[in-house]
Amino acid sequence: MPHEVLIADRRLPLRDELTVGASADGPLLWLRRLANGDAAVVAATDATRDGLPLLGGIGVIDWGTSALLRVAGVRVELIWRAATERRLAEGAEECAICFGAFEPGVPAIACRCETLFHEECNAARFDCPDCGAPKVTPPEVSPA
């Protein structure tokens, strides 16, 4: 998973979109993972990114970088974690090796670029066909 959101020692994966905090008009911060792995940030009020004003309340955190965001007294850290992980497939996804579909809840190996592989397909590959990263087999994870 490329980005994680850290709020008050609580880690949340940024797989699609997240809202942070609340004001009278809605969330304080909206984060969305873009197709290329970047993260879009929209703030409802004055915000800073790494100590500098977030002009217009809109910003992009590039794939491979991290950022410290502050909005209305809330500290939000967007952390880049370039690591292969073992996770449960969400369905409507397919393996990059055999192109077979994943059933929801089936264990999958996710490359640091989010490309998914079946366990068996991961064992047979040398590197990622999408980003070229070498194969890393992550530790076992128990289902949540």
N, C-alpha and C. Protein backbone atom coordinates (compact mmCIF):
# COMPACT_ATOMS: atom_id res chain seq x y z
N MET A 1 0.85 -1.16 0.00
CA MET A 1 0.00 0.00 0.00
C MET A 1 0.90 1.23 0.00
N PRO A 2 0.74 2.07 -0.96
CA PRO A 2 1.63 3.20 -1.06
C PRO A 2 1.52 4.22 0.07
N HIS A 3 0.37 4.73 0.39
CA HIS A 3 0.25 5.75 1.42
C HIS A 3 -0.58 5.24 2.60
N GLU A 4 -0.17 5.67 3.78
CA GLU A 4 -0.94 5.45 5.00
C GLU A 4 -1.20 6.82 5.60
N VAL A 5 -2.32 6.95 6.29
CA VAL A 5 -2.65 8.19 6.96
C VAL A 5 -2.50 7.93 8.46
N LEU A 6 -1.71 8.76 9.14
CA LEU A 6 -1.47 8.62 10.57
C LEU A 6 -2.11 9.81 11.28
N ILE A 7 -3.12 9.51 12.10
CA ILE A 7 -3.81 10.54 12.86
C ILE A 7 -3.83 10.07 14.31
N ALA A 8 -3.16 10.82 15.19
CA ALA A 8 -3.13 10.50 16.62
C ALA A 8 -2.82 9.03 16.87
N ASP A 9 -1.72 8.54 16.31
CA ASP A 9 -1.25 7.16 16.48
C ASP A 9 -2.18 6.11 15.87
N ARG A 10 -3.11 6.52 15.06
CA ARG A 10 -4.01 5.59 14.38
C ARG A 10 -3.64 5.58 12.90
N ARG A 11 -3.33 4.40 12.37
CA ARG A 11 -2.94 4.27 10.97
C ARG A 11 -4.12 3.79 10.13
N LEU A 12 -4.35 4.49 9.03
CA LEU A 12 -5.42 4.12 8.11
C LEU A 12 -4.83 4.01 6.71
N PRO A 13 -5.15 2.95 5.97
CA PRO A 13 -4.65 2.85 4.60
C PRO A 13 -5.41 3.80 3.68
N LEU A 14 -4.70 4.39 2.74
CA LEU A 14 -5.34 5.24 1.74
C LEU A 14 -5.48 4.40 0.47
N ARG A 15 -6.53 3.60 0.42
CA ARG A 15 -6.77 2.74 -0.74
C ARG A 15 -7.64 3.46 -1.78
N ASP A 16 -8.59 4.24 -1.32
CA ASP A 16 -9.49 4.95 -2.23
C ASP A 16 -9.62 6.40 -1.76
N GLU A 17 -10.45 6.64 -0.75
CA GLU A 17 -10.57 7.98 -0.20
C GLU A 17 -10.86 7.93 1.28
N LEU A 18 -10.47 9.00 1.97
CA LEU A 18 -10.70 9.14 3.41
C LEU A 18 -11.11 10.57 3.71
N THR A 19 -11.96 10.72 4.72
CA THR A 19 -12.26 12.05 5.22
C THR A 19 -11.73 12.12 6.65
N VAL A 20 -11.26 13.29 7.04
CA VAL A 20 -10.64 13.48 8.34
C VAL A 20 -11.32 14.63 9.05
N GLY A 21 -11.65 14.42 10.33
CA GLY A 21 -12.22 15.47 11.15
C GLY A 21 -13.60 15.89 10.69
N ALA A 22 -14.17 16.84 11.43
CA ALA A 22 -15.49 17.33 11.07
C ALA A 22 -15.63 18.78 11.49
N SER A 23 -16.35 19.51 10.68
CA SER A 23 -16.72 20.89 11.01
C SER A 23 -18.22 20.99 10.79
N ALA A 24 -18.77 22.15 10.99
CA ALA A 24 -20.21 22.33 10.80
C ALA A 24 -20.62 22.07 9.35
N ASP A 25 -19.68 22.29 8.42
CA ASP A 25 -20.00 22.14 7.00
C ASP A 25 -19.55 20.80 6.40
N GLY A 26 -18.99 19.91 7.20
CA GLY A 26 -18.52 18.64 6.67
C GLY A 26 -17.11 18.32 7.13
N PRO A 27 -16.41 17.43 6.43
CA PRO A 27 -15.07 17.03 6.85
C PRO A 27 -14.06 18.17 6.72
N LEU A 28 -13.04 18.13 7.58
CA LEU A 28 -11.97 19.13 7.51
C LEU A 28 -11.03 18.86 6.35
N LEU A 29 -10.80 17.59 6.08
CA LEU A 29 -9.82 17.20 5.07
C LEU A 29 -10.33 15.99 4.31
N TRP A 30 -10.12 16.00 3.02
CA TRP A 30 -10.52 14.90 2.16
C TRP A 30 -9.28 14.44 1.43
N LEU A 31 -8.99 13.14 1.50
CA LEU A 31 -7.83 12.55 0.83
C LEU A 31 -8.31 11.51 -0.17
N ARG A 32 -7.73 11.52 -1.36
CA ARG A 32 -8.13 10.56 -2.40
C ARG A 32 -6.89 10.03 -3.08
N ARG A 33 -6.82 8.72 -3.23
CA ARG A 33 -5.72 8.09 -3.96
C ARG A 33 -6.04 8.18 -5.44
N LEU A 34 -5.11 8.74 -6.20
CA LEU A 34 -5.29 8.87 -7.65
C LEU A 34 -4.79 7.62 -8.35
N ALA A 35 -5.16 7.44 -9.60
CA ALA A 35 -4.81 6.24 -10.35
C ALA A 35 -3.31 6.02 -10.46
N ASN A 36 -2.52 7.08 -10.49
CA ASN A 36 -1.07 6.94 -10.63
C ASN A 36 -0.36 6.75 -9.28
N GLY A 37 -1.13 6.66 -8.17
CA GLY A 37 -0.53 6.46 -6.85
C GLY A 37 -0.37 7.73 -6.05
N ASP A 38 -0.48 8.91 -6.69
CA ASP A 38 -0.42 10.17 -5.96
C ASP A 38 -1.64 10.27 -5.04
N ALA A 39 -1.58 11.17 -4.08
CA ALA A 39 -2.71 11.41 -3.18
C ALA A 39 -3.17 12.86 -3.33
N ALA A 40 -4.44 13.06 -3.61
CA ALA A 40 -5.02 14.40 -3.69
C ALA A 40 -5.52 14.79 -2.32
N VAL A 41 -5.34 16.05 -1.97
CA VAL A 41 -5.74 16.58 -0.66
C VAL A 41 -6.61 17.81 -0.89
N VAL A 42 -7.77 17.85 -0.23
CA VAL A 42 -8.64 19.02 -0.27
C VAL A 42 -8.99 19.38 1.17
N ALA A 43 -8.69 20.62 1.57
CA ALA A 43 -8.97 21.09 2.93
C ALA A 43 -10.16 22.04 2.91
N ALA A 44 -11.02 21.92 3.92
CA ALA A 44 -12.21 22.77 4.01
C ALA A 44 -11.90 24.15 4.56
N THR A 45 -10.74 24.30 5.18
CA THR A 45 -10.34 25.57 5.78
C THR A 45 -8.83 25.74 5.60
N ASP A 46 -8.26 26.80 6.16
CA ASP A 46 -6.82 27.01 6.04
C ASP A 46 -6.06 25.79 6.51
N ALA A 47 -5.07 25.37 5.73
CA ALA A 47 -4.28 24.18 6.06
C ALA A 47 -2.84 24.43 5.64
N THR A 48 -1.95 23.63 6.21
CA THR A 48 -0.54 23.69 5.81
C THR A 48 -0.07 22.30 5.43
N ARG A 49 0.93 22.29 4.57
CA ARG A 49 1.61 21.07 4.18
C ARG A 49 3.09 21.30 4.46
N ASP A 50 3.66 20.49 5.33
CA ASP A 50 5.06 20.62 5.72
C ASP A 50 5.39 22.06 6.13
N GLY A 51 4.45 22.71 6.84
CA GLY A 51 4.67 24.06 7.36
C GLY A 51 4.35 25.19 6.40
N LEU A 52 4.06 24.88 5.15
CA LEU A 52 3.74 25.92 4.16
C LEU A 52 2.24 25.90 3.88
N PRO A 53 1.65 27.08 3.58
CA PRO A 53 0.21 27.12 3.31
C PRO A 53 -0.17 26.22 2.14
N LEU A 54 -1.29 25.54 2.29
CA LEU A 54 -1.86 24.73 1.21
C LEU A 54 -2.74 25.67 0.41
N LEU A 55 -2.17 26.25 -0.65
CA LEU A 55 -2.85 27.29 -1.42
C LEU A 55 -4.14 26.79 -2.03
N GLY A 56 -5.20 27.53 -1.79
CA GLY A 56 -6.50 27.16 -2.31
C GLY A 56 -7.09 25.94 -1.62
N GLY A 57 -6.40 25.42 -0.60
CA GLY A 57 -6.89 24.24 0.11
C GLY A 57 -6.77 22.96 -0.68
N ILE A 58 -5.98 22.99 -1.76
CA ILE A 58 -5.85 21.82 -2.63
C ILE A 58 -4.37 21.50 -2.82
N GLY A 59 -4.04 20.22 -2.80
CA GLY A 59 -2.66 19.82 -3.03
C GLY A 59 -2.56 18.38 -3.50
N VAL A 60 -1.38 18.01 -3.96
CA VAL A 60 -1.11 16.65 -4.40
C VAL A 60 0.17 16.18 -3.72
N ILE A 61 0.10 15.03 -3.09
CA ILE A 61 1.29 14.42 -2.50
C ILE A 61 1.73 13.34 -3.49
N ASP A 62 2.91 13.52 -4.05
CA ASP A 62 3.39 12.63 -5.10
C ASP A 62 3.64 11.21 -4.59
N TRP A 63 3.47 10.26 -5.48
CA TRP A 63 3.80 8.86 -5.22
C TRP A 63 5.25 8.81 -4.77
N GLY A 64 5.51 8.17 -3.67
CA GLY A 64 6.87 8.04 -3.18
C GLY A 64 7.29 9.11 -2.19
N THR A 65 6.41 10.07 -1.86
CA THR A 65 6.76 11.10 -0.89
C THR A 65 5.76 11.10 0.27
N SER A 66 6.14 11.73 1.36
CA SER A 66 5.29 11.85 2.53
C SER A 66 5.03 13.33 2.79
N ALA A 67 4.06 13.61 3.66
CA ALA A 67 3.75 15.01 3.97
C ALA A 67 3.11 15.09 5.35
N LEU A 68 3.33 16.22 6.01
CA LEU A 68 2.69 16.53 7.28
C LEU A 68 1.67 17.63 7.02
N LEU A 69 0.40 17.33 7.26
CA LEU A 69 -0.68 18.27 7.02
C LEU A 69 -1.26 18.72 8.36
N ARG A 70 -1.62 19.99 8.44
CA ARG A 70 -2.29 20.52 9.63
C ARG A 70 -3.49 21.33 9.16
N VAL A 71 -4.64 21.00 9.75
CA VAL A 71 -5.86 21.71 9.41
C VAL A 71 -6.72 21.81 10.67
N ALA A 72 -7.10 23.04 11.04
CA ALA A 72 -7.95 23.31 12.20
C ALA A 72 -7.47 22.57 13.46
N GLY A 73 -6.17 22.61 13.70
CA GLY A 73 -5.60 22.00 14.90
C GLY A 73 -5.42 20.49 14.83
N VAL A 74 -5.76 19.88 13.70
CA VAL A 74 -5.60 18.43 13.54
C VAL A 74 -4.32 18.18 12.75
N ARG A 75 -3.50 17.26 13.29
CA ARG A 75 -2.24 16.89 12.64
C ARG A 75 -2.46 15.58 11.89
N VAL A 76 -2.23 15.60 10.60
CA VAL A 76 -2.41 14.43 9.75
C VAL A 76 -1.10 14.17 9.03
N GLU A 77 -0.56 13.00 9.21
CA GLU A 77 0.68 12.64 8.53
C GLU A 77 0.35 11.63 7.43
N LEU A 78 0.74 11.97 6.22
CA LEU A 78 0.57 11.07 5.09
C LEU A 78 1.92 10.42 4.86
N ILE A 79 2.00 9.13 5.11
CA ILE A 79 3.26 8.41 5.12
C ILE A 79 3.38 7.53 3.88
N TRP A 80 4.51 7.63 3.22
CA TRP A 80 4.80 6.73 2.09
C TRP A 80 5.41 5.46 2.67
N ARG A 81 4.84 4.35 2.34
CA ARG A 81 5.37 3.08 2.81
C ARG A 81 5.59 2.18 1.61
N ALA A 82 6.78 2.22 1.08
CA ALA A 82 7.09 1.41 -0.10
C ALA A 82 7.41 -0.01 0.36
N ALA A 83 6.39 -0.81 0.44
CA ALA A 83 6.59 -2.17 0.92
C ALA A 83 5.57 -3.09 0.28
N THR A 84 6.00 -4.31 0.07
CA THR A 84 5.09 -5.35 -0.40
C THR A 84 4.29 -5.81 0.81
N GLU A 85 3.02 -6.08 0.60
CA GLU A 85 2.19 -6.54 1.71
C GLU A 85 1.30 -7.69 1.29
N ARG A 86 0.91 -8.45 2.27
CA ARG A 86 -0.07 -9.51 2.08
C ARG A 86 -1.38 -8.96 2.61
N ARG A 87 -2.42 -8.99 1.77
CA ARG A 87 -3.72 -8.48 2.19
C ARG A 87 -4.82 -9.28 1.55
N LEU A 88 -6.03 -9.04 1.98
CA LEU A 88 -7.18 -9.72 1.41
C LEU A 88 -7.68 -8.94 0.20
N ALA A 89 -7.94 -9.65 -0.88
CA ALA A 89 -8.45 -9.01 -2.09
C ALA A 89 -9.85 -8.47 -1.83
N GLU A 90 -10.16 -7.38 -2.48
CA GLU A 90 -11.46 -6.74 -2.30
C GLU A 90 -12.46 -7.16 -3.38
N GLY A 91 -12.04 -7.97 -4.33
CA GLY A 91 -12.91 -8.35 -5.44
C GLY A 91 -12.78 -7.37 -6.58
N ALA A 92 -13.20 -7.75 -7.77
CA ALA A 92 -13.10 -6.91 -8.97
C ALA A 92 -11.64 -6.55 -9.27
N GLU A 93 -10.70 -7.36 -8.80
CA GLU A 93 -9.28 -7.16 -9.06
C GLU A 93 -8.78 -8.42 -9.75
N GLU A 94 -7.67 -8.29 -10.49
CA GLU A 94 -7.12 -9.47 -11.15
C GLU A 94 -5.62 -9.55 -10.97
N CYS A 95 -5.10 -10.76 -11.05
CA CYS A 95 -3.67 -11.02 -10.89
C CYS A 95 -2.92 -10.51 -12.13
N ALA A 96 -1.78 -9.86 -11.90
CA ALA A 96 -0.99 -9.31 -13.00
C ALA A 96 -0.19 -10.37 -13.74
N ILE A 97 -0.12 -11.58 -13.20
CA ILE A 97 0.61 -12.66 -13.86
C ILE A 97 -0.33 -13.52 -14.70
N CYS A 98 -1.37 -14.09 -14.06
CA CYS A 98 -2.26 -15.02 -14.78
C CYS A 98 -3.55 -14.36 -15.26
N PHE A 99 -3.78 -13.11 -14.85
CA PHE A 99 -4.97 -12.34 -15.20
C PHE A 99 -6.27 -12.95 -14.65
N GLY A 100 -6.13 -13.88 -13.70
CA GLY A 100 -7.29 -14.47 -13.05
C GLY A 100 -7.88 -13.51 -12.03
N ALA A 101 -9.20 -13.52 -11.92
CA ALA A 101 -9.89 -12.64 -10.98
C ALA A 101 -9.72 -13.15 -9.55
N PHE A 102 -9.74 -12.23 -8.61
CA PHE A 102 -9.69 -12.56 -7.19
C PHE A 102 -11.10 -12.61 -6.64
N GLU A 103 -11.37 -13.60 -5.82
CA GLU A 103 -12.62 -13.62 -5.06
C GLU A 103 -12.44 -12.67 -3.88
N PRO A 104 -13.48 -11.95 -3.48
CA PRO A 104 -13.35 -11.07 -2.32
C PRO A 104 -12.92 -11.86 -1.08
N GLY A 105 -11.94 -11.32 -0.34
CA GLY A 105 -11.48 -11.95 0.88
C GLY A 105 -10.41 -13.00 0.72
N VAL A 106 -9.97 -13.26 -0.53
CA VAL A 106 -8.91 -14.23 -0.78
C VAL A 106 -7.55 -13.56 -0.56
N PRO A 107 -6.60 -14.23 0.11
CA PRO A 107 -5.28 -13.61 0.31
C PRO A 107 -4.60 -13.29 -1.02
N ALA A 108 -3.95 -12.13 -1.06
CA ALA A 108 -3.23 -11.70 -2.25
C ALA A 108 -1.95 -11.01 -1.80
N ILE A 109 -0.98 -10.96 -2.71
CA ILE A 109 0.25 -10.23 -2.48
C ILE A 109 0.15 -8.93 -3.26
N ALA A 110 0.33 -7.79 -2.57
CA ALA A 110 0.27 -6.48 -3.22
C ALA A 110 1.69 -5.91 -3.28
N CYS A 111 2.15 -5.63 -4.48
CA CYS A 111 3.44 -4.98 -4.67
C CYS A 111 3.36 -3.57 -4.10
N ARG A 112 4.50 -2.92 -3.94
CA ARG A 112 4.50 -1.55 -3.42
C ARG A 112 3.76 -0.60 -4.35
N CYS A 113 3.56 -0.99 -5.62
CA CYS A 113 2.82 -0.16 -6.57
C CYS A 113 1.34 -0.53 -6.62
N GLU A 114 0.91 -1.45 -5.73
CA GLU A 114 -0.48 -1.91 -5.62
C GLU A 114 -0.87 -2.97 -6.64
N THR A 115 0.05 -3.44 -7.46
CA THR A 115 -0.25 -4.54 -8.37
C THR A 115 -0.45 -5.80 -7.53
N LEU A 116 -1.49 -6.57 -7.84
CA LEU A 116 -1.82 -7.76 -7.05
C LEU A 116 -1.41 -9.05 -7.75
N PHE A 117 -1.03 -10.03 -6.91
CA PHE A 117 -0.66 -11.36 -7.39
C PHE A 117 -1.29 -12.43 -6.50
N HIS A 118 -1.68 -13.55 -7.12
CA HIS A 118 -2.05 -14.72 -6.32
C HIS A 118 -0.78 -15.20 -5.62
N GLU A 119 -0.94 -15.88 -4.51
CA GLU A 119 0.21 -16.41 -3.77
C GLU A 119 1.08 -17.28 -4.69
N GLU A 120 0.45 -18.14 -5.48
CA GLU A 120 1.18 -19.05 -6.37
C GLU A 120 1.89 -18.29 -7.48
N CYS A 121 1.24 -17.29 -8.01
CA CYS A 121 1.83 -16.48 -9.09
C CYS A 121 3.01 -15.66 -8.55
N ASN A 122 2.88 -15.16 -7.32
CA ASN A 122 3.96 -14.40 -6.71
C ASN A 122 5.19 -15.28 -6.54
N ALA A 123 4.99 -16.55 -6.19
CA ALA A 123 6.11 -17.47 -6.00
C ALA A 123 6.87 -17.70 -7.30
N ALA A 124 6.19 -17.58 -8.43
CA ALA A 124 6.81 -17.87 -9.73
C ALA A 124 7.43 -16.65 -10.41
N ARG A 125 7.19 -15.45 -9.90
CA ARG A 125 7.70 -14.25 -10.58
C ARG A 125 9.06 -13.83 -10.03
N PHE A 126 9.78 -13.00 -10.82
CA PHE A 126 11.07 -12.45 -10.40
C PHE A 126 10.93 -10.98 -10.00
N ASP A 127 10.11 -10.24 -10.76
CA ASP A 127 9.90 -8.83 -10.45
C ASP A 127 8.48 -8.45 -10.85
N CYS A 128 8.11 -7.22 -10.53
CA CYS A 128 6.76 -6.75 -10.82
C CYS A 128 6.66 -6.34 -12.29
N PRO A 129 5.67 -6.84 -13.01
CA PRO A 129 5.53 -6.44 -14.41
C PRO A 129 5.11 -4.98 -14.59
N ASP A 130 4.59 -4.35 -13.54
CA ASP A 130 4.15 -2.95 -13.65
C ASP A 130 5.24 -1.95 -13.30
N CYS A 131 5.95 -2.18 -12.15
CA CYS A 131 6.93 -1.17 -11.71
C CYS A 131 8.37 -1.69 -11.73
N GLY A 132 8.56 -2.99 -11.93
CA GLY A 132 9.90 -3.55 -12.02
C GLY A 132 10.56 -3.85 -10.68
N ALA A 133 9.83 -3.64 -9.57
CA ALA A 133 10.40 -3.92 -8.24
C ALA A 133 10.67 -5.41 -8.09
N PRO A 134 11.77 -5.78 -7.43
CA PRO A 134 12.05 -7.19 -7.22
C PRO A 134 11.01 -7.84 -6.31
N LYS A 135 10.85 -9.13 -6.49
CA LYS A 135 9.89 -9.89 -5.69
C LYS A 135 10.34 -9.89 -4.23
N VAL A 136 9.40 -9.59 -3.35
CA VAL A 136 9.59 -9.69 -1.91
C VAL A 136 8.38 -10.41 -1.36
N THR A 137 8.60 -11.46 -0.60
CA THR A 137 7.48 -12.18 -0.03
C THR A 137 7.24 -11.64 1.39
N PRO A 138 6.09 -11.00 1.60
CA PRO A 138 5.82 -10.41 2.91
C PRO A 138 5.46 -11.48 3.94
N PRO A 139 5.53 -11.14 5.22
CA PRO A 139 5.18 -12.10 6.26
C PRO A 139 3.68 -12.42 6.23
N GLU A 140 3.33 -13.55 6.83
CA GLU A 140 1.93 -13.96 6.91
C GLU A 140 1.15 -12.94 7.72
N VAL A 141 -0.11 -12.77 7.38
CA VAL A 141 -0.99 -11.87 8.11
C VAL A 141 -2.28 -12.61 8.41
N SER A 142 -2.78 -12.49 9.61
CA SER A 142 -4.03 -13.15 9.94
C SER A 142 -5.20 -12.30 9.51
N PRO A 143 -6.28 -12.91 9.02
CA PRO A 143 -7.45 -12.12 8.60
C PRO A 143 -8.03 -11.34 9.76
N ALA A 144 -8.50 -10.14 9.47
CA ALA A 144 -9.06 -9.26 10.51
C ALA A 144 -10.46 -9.67 10.90
